[in-house]
Amino acid sequence: MKEIIKRVQEPTPRFFQKIRNLGLLLTAVGGAIATAPVALPVMLTTIAGYVMVAGAIASAISQTAVEDNRLL
């Protein structure tokens, strides 16, 4: 567990920072659609749920990428 925490605290490469930010954007858009105060088609809210999960996973995984291989 300490190794994971150490990886998350290390600098993240620029490419993975972009993926992390894109994942956060997808999660936010999916959340906004899923919690919209108006009635939306079921298919749209289902897709929004999948987009939220994909965005969260992309953000979490890209945050663990590090710039050098000394932790491997």
C-alpha atoms as a PDB file:
ATOM      1  CA  MET A   1       0.000   0.000   0.000  1.00  0.00           C
ATOM      2  CA  LYS A   2       2.887   2.344   0.740  1.00  0.00           C
ATOM      3  CA  GLU A   3       4.223   1.798  -2.776  1.00  0.00           C
ATOM      4  CA  ILE A   4       0.910   2.891  -4.302  1.00  0.00           C
ATOM      5  CA  ILE A   5       0.807   6.030  -2.177  1.00  0.00           C
ATOM      6  CA  LYS A   6       4.405   6.771  -3.158  1.00  0.00           C
ATOM      7  CA  ARG A   7       3.562   6.338  -6.876  1.00  0.00           C
ATOM      8  CA  VAL A   8       0.604   8.710  -6.642  1.00  0.00           C
ATOM      9  CA  GLN A   9       2.803  11.366  -5.047  1.00  0.00           C
ATOM     10  CA  GLU A  10       5.495  11.154  -7.753  1.00  0.00           C
ATOM     11  CA  PRO A  11       5.435  13.553 -10.751  1.00  0.00           C
ATOM     12  CA  THR A  12       3.065  12.476 -13.533  1.00  0.00           C
ATOM     13  CA  PRO A  13       4.160  12.726 -17.206  1.00  0.00           C
ATOM     14  CA  ARG A  14       2.385  15.372 -19.321  1.00  0.00           C
ATOM     15  CA  PHE A  15       0.607  12.802 -21.513  1.00  0.00           C
ATOM     16  CA  PHE A  16      -0.936  11.136 -18.484  1.00  0.00           C
ATOM     17  CA  GLN A  17      -1.855  14.509 -16.999  1.00  0.00           C
ATOM     18  CA  LYS A  18      -3.899  15.145 -20.149  1.00  0.00           C
ATOM     19  CA  ILE A  19      -5.574  11.744 -19.844  1.00  0.00           C
ATOM     20  CA  ARG A  20      -6.306  12.433 -16.167  1.00  0.00           C
ATOM     21  CA  ASN A  21      -7.882  15.779 -16.996  1.00  0.00           C
ATOM     22  CA  LEU A  22      -9.916  14.243 -19.820  1.00  0.00           C
ATOM     23  CA  GLY A  23     -11.119  11.555 -17.426  1.00  0.00           C
ATOM     24  CA  LEU A  24     -12.163  14.182 -14.905  1.00  0.00           C
ATOM     25  CA  LEU A  25     -14.025  16.047 -17.645  1.00  0.00           C
ATOM     26  CA  LEU A  26     -15.836  12.874 -18.726  1.00  0.00           C
ATOM     27  CA  THR A  27     -16.793  12.149 -15.126  1.00  0.00           C
ATOM     28  CA  ALA A  28     -18.151  15.659 -14.673  1.00  0.00           C
ATOM     29  CA  VAL A  29     -20.153  15.588 -17.913  1.00  0.00           C
ATOM     30  CA  GLY A  30     -21.552  12.151 -17.128  1.00  0.00           C
ATOM     31  CA  GLY A  31     -22.485  13.273 -13.629  1.00  0.00           C
ATOM     32  CA  ALA A  32     -24.229  16.363 -14.933  1.00  0.00           C
ATOM     33  CA  ILE A  33     -26.274  14.306 -17.381  1.00  0.00           C
ATOM     34  CA  ALA A  34     -27.073  11.571 -14.859  1.00  0.00           C
ATOM     35  CA  THR A  35     -28.282  14.041 -12.229  1.00  0.00           C
ATOM     36  CA  ALA A  36     -30.110  16.416 -14.580  1.00  0.00           C
ATOM     37  CA  PRO A  37     -33.310  17.784 -13.010  1.00  0.00           C
ATOM     38  CA  VAL A  38     -35.301  17.068 -16.189  1.00  0.00           C
ATOM     39  CA  ALA A  39     -36.555  13.705 -17.417  1.00  0.00           C
ATOM     40  CA  LEU A  40     -34.080  12.240 -19.891  1.00  0.00           C
ATOM     41  CA  PRO A  41     -34.356   9.011 -21.865  1.00  0.00           C
ATOM     42  CA  VAL A  42     -33.179   5.934 -19.981  1.00  0.00           C
ATOM     43  CA  MET A  43     -30.571   5.172 -22.648  1.00  0.00           C
ATOM     44  CA  LEU A  44     -28.955   8.587 -22.186  1.00  0.00           C
ATOM     45  CA  THR A  45     -28.710   8.234 -18.404  1.00  0.00           C
ATOM     46  CA  THR A  46     -27.305   4.720 -18.800  1.00  0.00           C
ATOM     47  CA  ILE A  47     -24.621   5.967 -21.168  1.00  0.00           C
ATOM     48  CA  ALA A  48     -23.870   8.823 -18.763  1.00  0.00           C
ATOM     49  CA  GLY A  49     -23.263   6.260 -16.013  1.00  0.00           C
ATOM     50  CA  TYR A  50     -20.819   4.350 -18.196  1.00  0.00           C
ATOM     51  CA  VAL A  51     -19.034   7.583 -19.141  1.00  0.00           C
ATOM     52  CA  MET A  52     -18.673   8.465 -15.455  1.00  0.00           C
ATOM     53  CA  VAL A  53     -17.124   5.080 -14.664  1.00  0.00           C
ATOM     54  CA  ALA A  54     -14.754   5.235 -17.646  1.00  0.00           C
ATOM     55  CA  GLY A  55     -13.656   8.755 -16.722  1.00  0.00           C
ATOM     56  CA  ALA A  56     -13.025   7.818 -13.105  1.00  0.00           C
ATOM     57  CA  ILE A  57     -10.979   4.764 -14.085  1.00  0.00           C
ATOM     58  CA  ALA A  58      -8.930   6.723 -16.640  1.00  0.00           C
ATOM     59  CA  SER A  59      -8.196   9.414 -14.062  1.00  0.00           C
ATOM     60  CA  ALA A  60      -7.199   6.959 -11.361  1.00  0.00           C
ATOM     61  CA  ILE A  61      -4.943   4.861 -13.573  1.00  0.00           C
ATOM     62  CA  SER A  62      -3.237   7.820 -15.248  1.00  0.00           C
ATOM     63  CA  GLN A  63      -2.457   9.350 -11.854  1.00  0.00           C
ATOM     64  CA  THR A  64      -0.288   6.329 -10.975  1.00  0.00           C
ATOM     65  CA  ALA A  65       2.022   6.774 -14.003  1.00  0.00           C
ATOM     66  CA  VAL A  66       5.461   8.028 -13.010  1.00  0.00           C
ATOM     67  CA  GLU A  67       8.249   9.696 -14.979  1.00  0.00           C
ATOM     68  CA  ASP A  68      11.044   7.245 -14.200  1.00  0.00           C
ATOM     69  CA  ASN A  69      11.315   3.499 -13.590  1.00  0.00           C
ATOM     70  CA  ARG A  70      13.061   3.556 -10.230  1.00  0.00           C
ATOM     71  CA  LEU A  71       9.894   2.461  -8.392  1.00  0.00           C
ATOM     72  CA  LEU A  72       9.391  -0.679 -10.496  1.00  0.00           C
END
